[in-house]
PDB file of N, CA and C in Angstrom:
ATOM      1  N   MET A   1       0.818  -1.201   0.000  1.00  0.00           N
ATOM      2  CA  MET A   1       0.000   0.000   0.000  1.00  0.00           C
ATOM      3  C   MET A   1       0.863   1.267   0.000  1.00  0.00           C
ATOM      4  N   LYS A   2       1.981   1.228   0.734  1.00  0.00           N
ATOM      5  CA  LYS A   2       2.861   2.397   0.767  1.00  0.00           C
ATOM      6  C   LYS A   2       3.453   2.688  -0.604  1.00  0.00           C
ATOM      7  N   GLU A   3       3.780   1.630  -1.348  1.00  0.00           N
ATOM      8  CA  GLU A   3       4.350   1.820  -2.687  1.00  0.00           C
ATOM      9  C   GLU A   3       3.336   2.476  -3.611  1.00  0.00           C
ATOM     10  N   ASN A   4       2.065   2.099  -3.497  1.00  0.00           N
ATOM     11  CA  ASN A   4       1.006   2.693  -4.302  1.00  0.00           C
ATOM     12  C   ASN A   4       0.863   4.176  -3.991  1.00  0.00           C
ATOM     13  N   SER A   5       0.936   4.553  -2.716  1.00  0.00           N
ATOM     14  CA  SER A   5       0.805   5.966  -2.356  1.00  0.00           C
ATOM     15  C   SER A   5       1.986   6.777  -2.879  1.00  0.00           C
ATOM     16  N   LYS A   6       3.164   6.185  -2.898  1.00  0.00           N
ATOM     17  CA  LYS A   6       4.331   6.896  -3.442  1.00  0.00           C
ATOM     18  C   LYS A   6       4.159   7.147  -4.933  1.00  0.00           C
ATOM     19  N   LYS A   7       3.666   6.143  -5.659  1.00  0.00           N
ATOM     20  CA  LYS A   7       3.433   6.313  -7.099  1.00  0.00           C
ATOM     21  C   LYS A   7       2.361   7.357  -7.351  1.00  0.00           C
ATOM     22  N   LYS A   8       1.298   7.317  -6.564  1.00  0.00           N
ATOM     23  CA  LYS A   8       0.220   8.288  -6.709  1.00  0.00           C
ATOM     24  C   LYS A   8       0.730   9.697  -6.434  1.00  0.00           C
ATOM     25  N   HIS A   9       1.513   9.862  -5.377  1.00  0.00           N
ATOM     26  CA  HIS A   9       2.082  11.172  -5.053  1.00  0.00           C
ATOM     27  C   HIS A   9       2.999  11.661  -6.172  1.00  0.00           C
ATOM     28  N   LEU A  10       3.771  10.756  -6.741  1.00  0.00           N
ATOM     29  CA  LEU A  10       4.673  11.136  -7.821  1.00  0.00           C
ATOM     30  C   LEU A  10       3.888  11.571  -9.064  1.00  0.00           C
ATOM     31  N   LEU A  11       2.861  10.818  -9.447  1.00  0.00           N
ATOM     32  CA  LEU A  11       2.044  11.181 -10.604  1.00  0.00           C
ATOM     33  C   LEU A  11       1.293  12.488 -10.370  1.00  0.00           C
ATOM     34  N   LYS A  12       0.787  12.669  -9.168  1.00  0.00           N
ATOM     35  CA  LYS A  12       0.099  13.917  -8.810  1.00  0.00           C
ATOM     36  C   LYS A  12       1.080  15.087  -8.904  1.00  0.00           C
ATOM     37  N   THR A  13       2.284  14.890  -8.436  1.00  0.00           N
ATOM     38  CA  THR A  13       3.317  15.912  -8.493  1.00  0.00           C
ATOM     39  C   THR A  13       3.607  16.320  -9.932  1.00  0.00           C
ATOM     40  N   ILE A  14       3.774  15.337 -10.794  1.00  0.00           N
ATOM     41  CA  ILE A  14       4.110  15.616 -12.189  1.00  0.00           C
ATOM     42  C   ILE A  14       2.971  16.326 -12.912  1.00  0.00           C
ATOM     43  N   SER A  15       1.738  15.836 -12.737  1.00  0.00           N
ATOM     44  CA  SER A  15       0.608  16.467 -13.427  1.00  0.00           C
ATOM     45  C   SER A  15       0.409  17.903 -12.958  1.00  0.00           C
ATOM     46  N   TRP A  16       0.539  18.128 -11.667  1.00  0.00           N
ATOM     47  CA  TRP A  16       0.398  19.487 -11.145  1.00  0.00           C
ATOM     48  C   TRP A  16       1.513  20.387 -11.673  1.00  0.00           C
ATOM     49  N   ARG A  17       2.727  19.882 -11.752  1.00  0.00           N
ATOM     50  CA  ARG A  17       3.855  20.674 -12.235  1.00  0.00           C
ATOM     51  C   ARG A  17       3.615  21.175 -13.646  1.00  0.00           C
ATOM     52  N   PHE A  18       3.089  20.316 -14.523  1.00  0.00           N
ATOM     53  CA  PHE A  18       2.822  20.758 -15.892  1.00  0.00           C
ATOM     54  C   PHE A  18       1.824  21.908 -15.916  1.00  0.00           C
ATOM     55  N   LEU A  19       0.750  21.780 -15.168  1.00  0.00           N
ATOM     56  CA  LEU A  19      -0.261  22.839 -15.132  1.00  0.00           C
ATOM     57  C   LEU A  19       0.302  24.126 -14.523  1.00  0.00           C
ATOM     58  N   ALA A  20       0.963  24.003 -13.401  1.00  0.00           N
ATOM     59  CA  ALA A  20       1.506  25.182 -12.715  1.00  0.00           C
ATOM     60  C   ALA A  20       2.615  25.840 -13.530  1.00  0.00           C
ATOM     61  N   THR A  21       3.468  25.045 -14.169  1.00  0.00           N
ATOM     62  CA  THR A  21       4.554  25.602 -14.969  1.00  0.00           C
ATOM     63  C   THR A  21       4.019  26.315 -16.199  1.00  0.00           C
ATOM     64  N   PHE A  22       3.004  25.749 -16.826  1.00  0.00           N
ATOM     65  CA  PHE A  22       2.383  26.417 -17.969  1.00  0.00           C
ATOM     66  C   PHE A  22       1.894  27.805 -17.570  1.00  0.00           C
ATOM     67  N   THR A  23       1.261  27.899 -16.411  1.00  0.00           N
ATOM     68  CA  THR A  23       0.787  29.185 -15.900  1.00  0.00           C
ATOM     69  C   THR A  23       1.951  30.145 -15.679  1.00  0.00           C
ATOM     70  N   THR A  24       3.034  29.660 -15.098  1.00  0.00           N
ATOM     71  CA  THR A  24       4.212  30.491 -14.845  1.00  0.00           C
ATOM     72  C   THR A  24       4.827  30.986 -16.145  1.00  0.00           C
ATOM     73  N   VAL A  25       4.940  30.102 -17.140  1.00  0.00           N
ATOM     74  CA  VAL A  25       5.515  30.485 -18.439  1.00  0.00           C
ATOM     75  C   VAL A  25       4.685  31.602 -19.066  1.00  0.00           C
ATOM     76  N   VAL A  26       3.369  31.426 -19.071  1.00  0.00           N
ATOM     77  CA  VAL A  26       2.484  32.427 -19.672  1.00  0.00           C
ATOM     78  C   VAL A  26       2.593  33.759 -18.930  1.00  0.00           C
ATOM     79  N   LEU A  27       2.581  33.714 -17.605  1.00  0.00           N
ATOM     80  CA  LEU A  27       2.687  34.970 -16.830  1.00  0.00           C
ATOM     81  C   LEU A  27       4.037  35.656 -17.042  1.00  0.00           C
ATOM     82  N   ALA A  28       5.131  34.881 -17.026  1.00  0.00           N
ATOM     83  CA  ALA A  28       6.456  35.470 -17.239  1.00  0.00           C
ATOM     84  C   ALA A  28       6.561  36.066 -18.640  1.00  0.00           C
ATOM     85  N   TRP A  29       5.947  35.418 -19.618  1.00  0.00           N
ATOM     86  CA  TRP A  29       5.930  35.911 -20.993  1.00  0.00           C
ATOM     87  C   TRP A  29       5.155  37.219 -21.073  1.00  0.00           C
ATOM     88  N   ILE A  30       3.976  37.261 -20.447  1.00  0.00           N
ATOM     89  CA  ILE A  30       3.158  38.479 -20.459  1.00  0.00           C
ATOM     90  C   ILE A  30       3.885  39.628 -19.769  1.00  0.00           C
ATOM     91  N   ILE A  31       4.466  39.345 -18.614  1.00  0.00           N
ATOM     92  CA  ILE A  31       5.142  40.398 -17.847  1.00  0.00           C
ATOM     93  C   ILE A  31       6.391  40.903 -18.563  1.00  0.00           C
ATOM     94  N   SER A  32       7.190  39.983 -19.119  1.00  0.00           N
ATOM     95  CA  SER A  32       8.446  40.386 -19.758  1.00  0.00           C
ATOM     96  C   SER A  32       8.263  40.781 -21.220  1.00  0.00           C
ATOM     97  N   GLY A  33       7.228  40.250 -21.858  1.00  0.00           N
ATOM     98  CA  GLY A  33       7.034  40.490 -23.284  1.00  0.00           C
ATOM     99  C   GLY A  33       7.913  39.612 -24.156  1.00  0.00           C
ATOM    100  N   ASP A  34       8.671  38.710 -23.547  1.00  0.00           N
ATOM    101  CA  ASP A  34       9.609  37.860 -24.274  1.00  0.00           C
ATOM    102  C   ASP A  34       9.292  36.388 -23.978  1.00  0.00           C
ATOM    103  N   PRO A  35       8.863  35.619 -24.974  1.00  0.00           N
ATOM    104  CA  PRO A  35       8.527  34.217 -24.721  1.00  0.00           C
ATOM    105  C   PRO A  35       9.720  33.383 -24.247  1.00  0.00           C
ATOM    106  N   MET A  36      10.928  33.746 -24.634  1.00  0.00           N
ATOM    107  CA  MET A  36      12.107  32.999 -24.187  1.00  0.00           C
ATOM    108  C   MET A  36      12.354  33.173 -22.691  1.00  0.00           C
ATOM    109  N   ILE A  37      12.079  34.361 -22.183  1.00  0.00           N
ATOM    110  CA  ILE A  37      12.194  34.578 -20.738  1.00  0.00           C
ATOM    111  C   ILE A  37      11.137  33.741 -20.022  1.00  0.00           C
ATOM    112  N   GLY A  38       9.932  33.715 -20.571  1.00  0.00           N
ATOM    113  CA  GLY A  38       8.876  32.882 -19.998  1.00  0.00           C
ATOM    114  C   GLY A  38       9.281  31.422 -19.934  1.00  0.00           C
ATOM    115  N   LEU A  39       9.878  30.908 -21.014  1.00  0.00           N
ATOM    116  CA  LEU A  39      10.315  29.516 -21.031  1.00  0.00           C
ATOM    117  C   LEU A  39      11.479  29.267 -20.067  1.00  0.00           C
ATOM    118  N   ALA A  40      12.391  30.223 -19.971  1.00  0.00           N
ATOM    119  CA  ALA A  40      13.531  30.074 -19.050  1.00  0.00           C
ATOM    120  C   ALA A  40      13.051  30.031 -17.599  1.00  0.00           C
ATOM    121  N   VAL A  41      12.177  30.953 -17.249  1.00  0.00           N
ATOM    122  CA  VAL A  41      11.633  30.978 -15.882  1.00  0.00           C
ATOM    123  C   VAL A  41      10.865  29.683 -15.615  1.00  0.00           C
ATOM    124  N   GLY A  42      10.039  29.289 -16.577  1.00  0.00           N
ATOM    125  CA  GLY A  42       9.263  28.056 -16.422  1.00  0.00           C
ATOM    126  C   GLY A  42      10.131  26.819 -16.315  1.00  0.00           C
ATOM    127  N   GLY A  43      11.232  26.781 -17.037  1.00  0.00           N
ATOM    128  CA  GLY A  43      12.135  25.635 -16.968  1.00  0.00           C
ATOM    129  C   GLY A  43      12.748  25.456 -15.597  1.00  0.00           C
ATOM    130  N   TRP A  44      13.229  26.537 -15.033  1.00  0.00           N
ATOM    131  CA  TRP A  44      13.804  26.477 -13.683  1.00  0.00           C
ATOM    132  C   TRP A  44      12.733  26.136 -12.661  1.00  0.00           C
ATOM    133  N   GLU A  45      11.619  26.806 -12.793  1.00  0.00           N
ATOM    134  CA  GLU A  45      10.526  26.623 -11.839  1.00  0.00           C
ATOM    135  C   GLU A  45      10.022  25.184 -11.862  1.00  0.00           C
ATOM    136  N   PHE A  46       9.948  24.571 -13.033  1.00  0.00           N
ATOM    137  CA  PHE A  46       9.428  23.212 -13.175  1.00  0.00           C
ATOM    138  C   PHE A  46      10.183  22.228 -12.291  1.00  0.00           C
ATOM    139  N   PHE A  47      11.489  22.201 -12.417  1.00  0.00           N
ATOM    140  CA  PHE A  47      12.277  21.216 -11.683  1.00  0.00           C
ATOM    141  C   PHE A  47      12.383  21.533 -10.195  1.00  0.00           C
ATOM    142  N   LEU A  48      12.607  22.786  -9.862  1.00  0.00           N
ATOM    143  CA  LEU A  48      12.759  23.134  -8.446  1.00  0.00           C
ATOM    144  C   LEU A  48      11.474  22.892  -7.659  1.00  0.00           C
ATOM    145  N   LYS A  49      10.367  23.333  -8.186  1.00  0.00           N
ATOM    146  CA  LYS A  49       9.110  23.181  -7.451  1.00  0.00           C
ATOM    147  C   LYS A  49       8.604  21.752  -7.455  1.00  0.00           C
ATOM    148  N   MET A  50       8.932  20.964  -8.462  1.00  0.00           N
ATOM    149  CA  MET A  50       8.517  19.564  -8.465  1.00  0.00           C
ATOM    150  C   MET A  50       9.204  18.823  -7.316  1.00  0.00           C
ATOM    151  N   ILE A  51      10.467  19.071  -7.152  1.00  0.00           N
ATOM    152  CA  ILE A  51      11.204  18.428  -6.061  1.00  0.00           C
ATOM    153  C   ILE A  51      10.662  18.882  -4.710  1.00  0.00           C
ATOM    154  N   LEU A  52      10.474  20.174  -4.555  1.00  0.00           N
ATOM    155  CA  LEU A  52       9.962  20.695  -3.283  1.00  0.00           C
ATOM    156  C   LEU A  52       8.563  20.183  -2.982  1.00  0.00           C
ATOM    157  N   TYR A  53       7.702  20.105  -3.999  1.00  0.00           N
ATOM    158  CA  TYR A  53       6.345  19.618  -3.786  1.00  0.00           C
ATOM    159  C   TYR A  53       6.346  18.152  -3.368  1.00  0.00           C
ATOM    160  N   TYR A  54       7.135  17.336  -4.027  1.00  0.00           N
ATOM    161  CA  TYR A  54       7.195  15.916  -3.687  1.00  0.00           C
ATOM    162  C   TYR A  54       7.655  15.729  -2.240  1.00  0.00           C
ATOM    163  N   LEU A  55       8.690  16.430  -1.845  1.00  0.00           N
ATOM    164  CA  LEU A  55       9.180  16.334  -0.466  1.00  0.00           C
ATOM    165  C   LEU A  55       8.123  16.812   0.527  1.00  0.00           C
ATOM    166  N   HIS A  56       7.457  17.892   0.199  1.00  0.00           N
ATOM    167  CA  HIS A  56       6.384  18.429   1.031  1.00  0.00           C
ATOM    168  C   HIS A  56       5.255  17.397   1.183  1.00  0.00           C
ATOM    169  N   GLU A  57       4.868  16.772   0.092  1.00  0.00           N
ATOM    170  CA  GLU A  57       3.808  15.764   0.102  1.00  0.00           C
ATOM    171  C   GLU A  57       4.202  14.562   0.955  1.00  0.00           C
ATOM    172  N   ARG A  58       5.448  14.128   0.852  1.00  0.00           N
ATOM    173  CA  ARG A  58       5.911  12.974   1.633  1.00  0.00           C
ATOM    174  C   ARG A  58       5.941  13.293   3.125  1.00  0.00           C
ATOM    175  N   VAL A  59       6.352  14.508   3.492  1.00  0.00           N
ATOM    176  CA  VAL A  59       6.349  14.901   4.907  1.00  0.00           C
ATOM    177  C   VAL A  59       4.925  14.880   5.440  1.00  0.00           C
ATOM    178  N   TRP A  60       3.993  15.454   4.705  1.00  0.00           N
ATOM    179  CA  TRP A  60       2.597  15.471   5.150  1.00  0.00           C
ATOM    180  C   TRP A  60       2.016  14.070   5.234  1.00  0.00           C
ATOM    181  N   TYR A  61       2.437  13.172   4.374  1.00  0.00           N
ATOM    182  CA  TYR A  61       1.953  11.796   4.411  1.00  0.00           C
ATOM    183  C   TYR A  61       2.385  11.104   5.700  1.00  0.00           C
ATOM    184  N   LYS A  62       3.541  11.448   6.204  1.00  0.00           N
ATOM    185  CA  LYS A  62       4.066  10.804   7.406  1.00  0.00           C
ATOM    186  C   LYS A  62       3.534  11.402   8.701  1.00  0.00           C
ATOM    187  N   ILE A  63       2.946  12.575   8.629  1.00  0.00           N
ATOM    188  CA  ILE A  63       2.422  13.230   9.826  1.00  0.00           C
ATOM    189  C   ILE A  63       1.097  12.579  10.213  1.00  0.00           C
ATOM    190  N   THR A  64       0.981  12.257  11.478  1.00  0.00           N
ATOM    191  CA  THR A  64      -0.292  11.756  11.986  1.00  0.00           C
ATOM    192  C   THR A  64      -0.777  12.688  13.086  1.00  0.00           C
ATOM    193  N   PHE A  65      -2.045  12.953  13.053  1.00  0.00           N
ATOM    194  CA  PHE A  65      -2.649  13.799  14.063  1.00  0.00           C
ATOM    195  C   PHE A  65      -3.458  12.921  15.003  1.00  0.00           C
ATOM    196  N   LYS A  66      -3.257  13.134  16.264  1.00  0.00           N
ATOM    197  CA  LYS A  66      -4.003  12.349  17.267  1.00  0.00           C
ATOM    198  C   LYS A  66      -5.320  13.049  17.531  1.00  0.00           C
ATOM    199  N   LYS A  67      -6.355  12.217  17.733  1.00  0.00           N
ATOM    200  CA  LYS A  67      -7.641  12.775  18.112  1.00  0.00           C
ATOM    201  C   LYS A  67      -7.552  13.274  19.542  1.00  0.00           C
ATOM    202  N   ASN A  68      -8.129  14.406  19.761  1.00  0.00           N
ATOM    203  CA  ASN A  68      -8.157  14.977  21.099  1.00  0.00           C
ATOM    204  C   ASN A  68      -9.328  14.349  21.846  1.00  0.00           C
ATOM    205  N   GLU A  69      -9.042  13.465  22.780  1.00  0.00           N
ATOM    206  CA  GLU A  69     -10.087  12.752  23.511  1.00  0.00           C
ATOM    207  C   GLU A  69     -10.370  13.471  24.817  1.00  0.00           C
ATOM    208  N   THR A  70     -11.219  14.467  24.741  1.00  0.00           N
ATOM    209  CA  THR A  70     -11.570  15.220  25.936  1.00  0.00           C
ATOM    210  C   THR A  70     -13.009  15.044  26.272  1.00  0.00           C
TER     211      THR A  70
END
């Protein structure tokens, strides 16, 4: 079951990265007026944020919250 959750988290990470990076590329292009700047910003952002998101997701997966029995 743990292996399945890792694969799911990885696929979720990748699909989200494509959508989020596309948005970043378009915004950087609009702001700069240069599509190459948009692609450069998006390229860096794609890899850095994918790694950070995956690590963030794995940390949250390991956190357990105890019910407050009062």
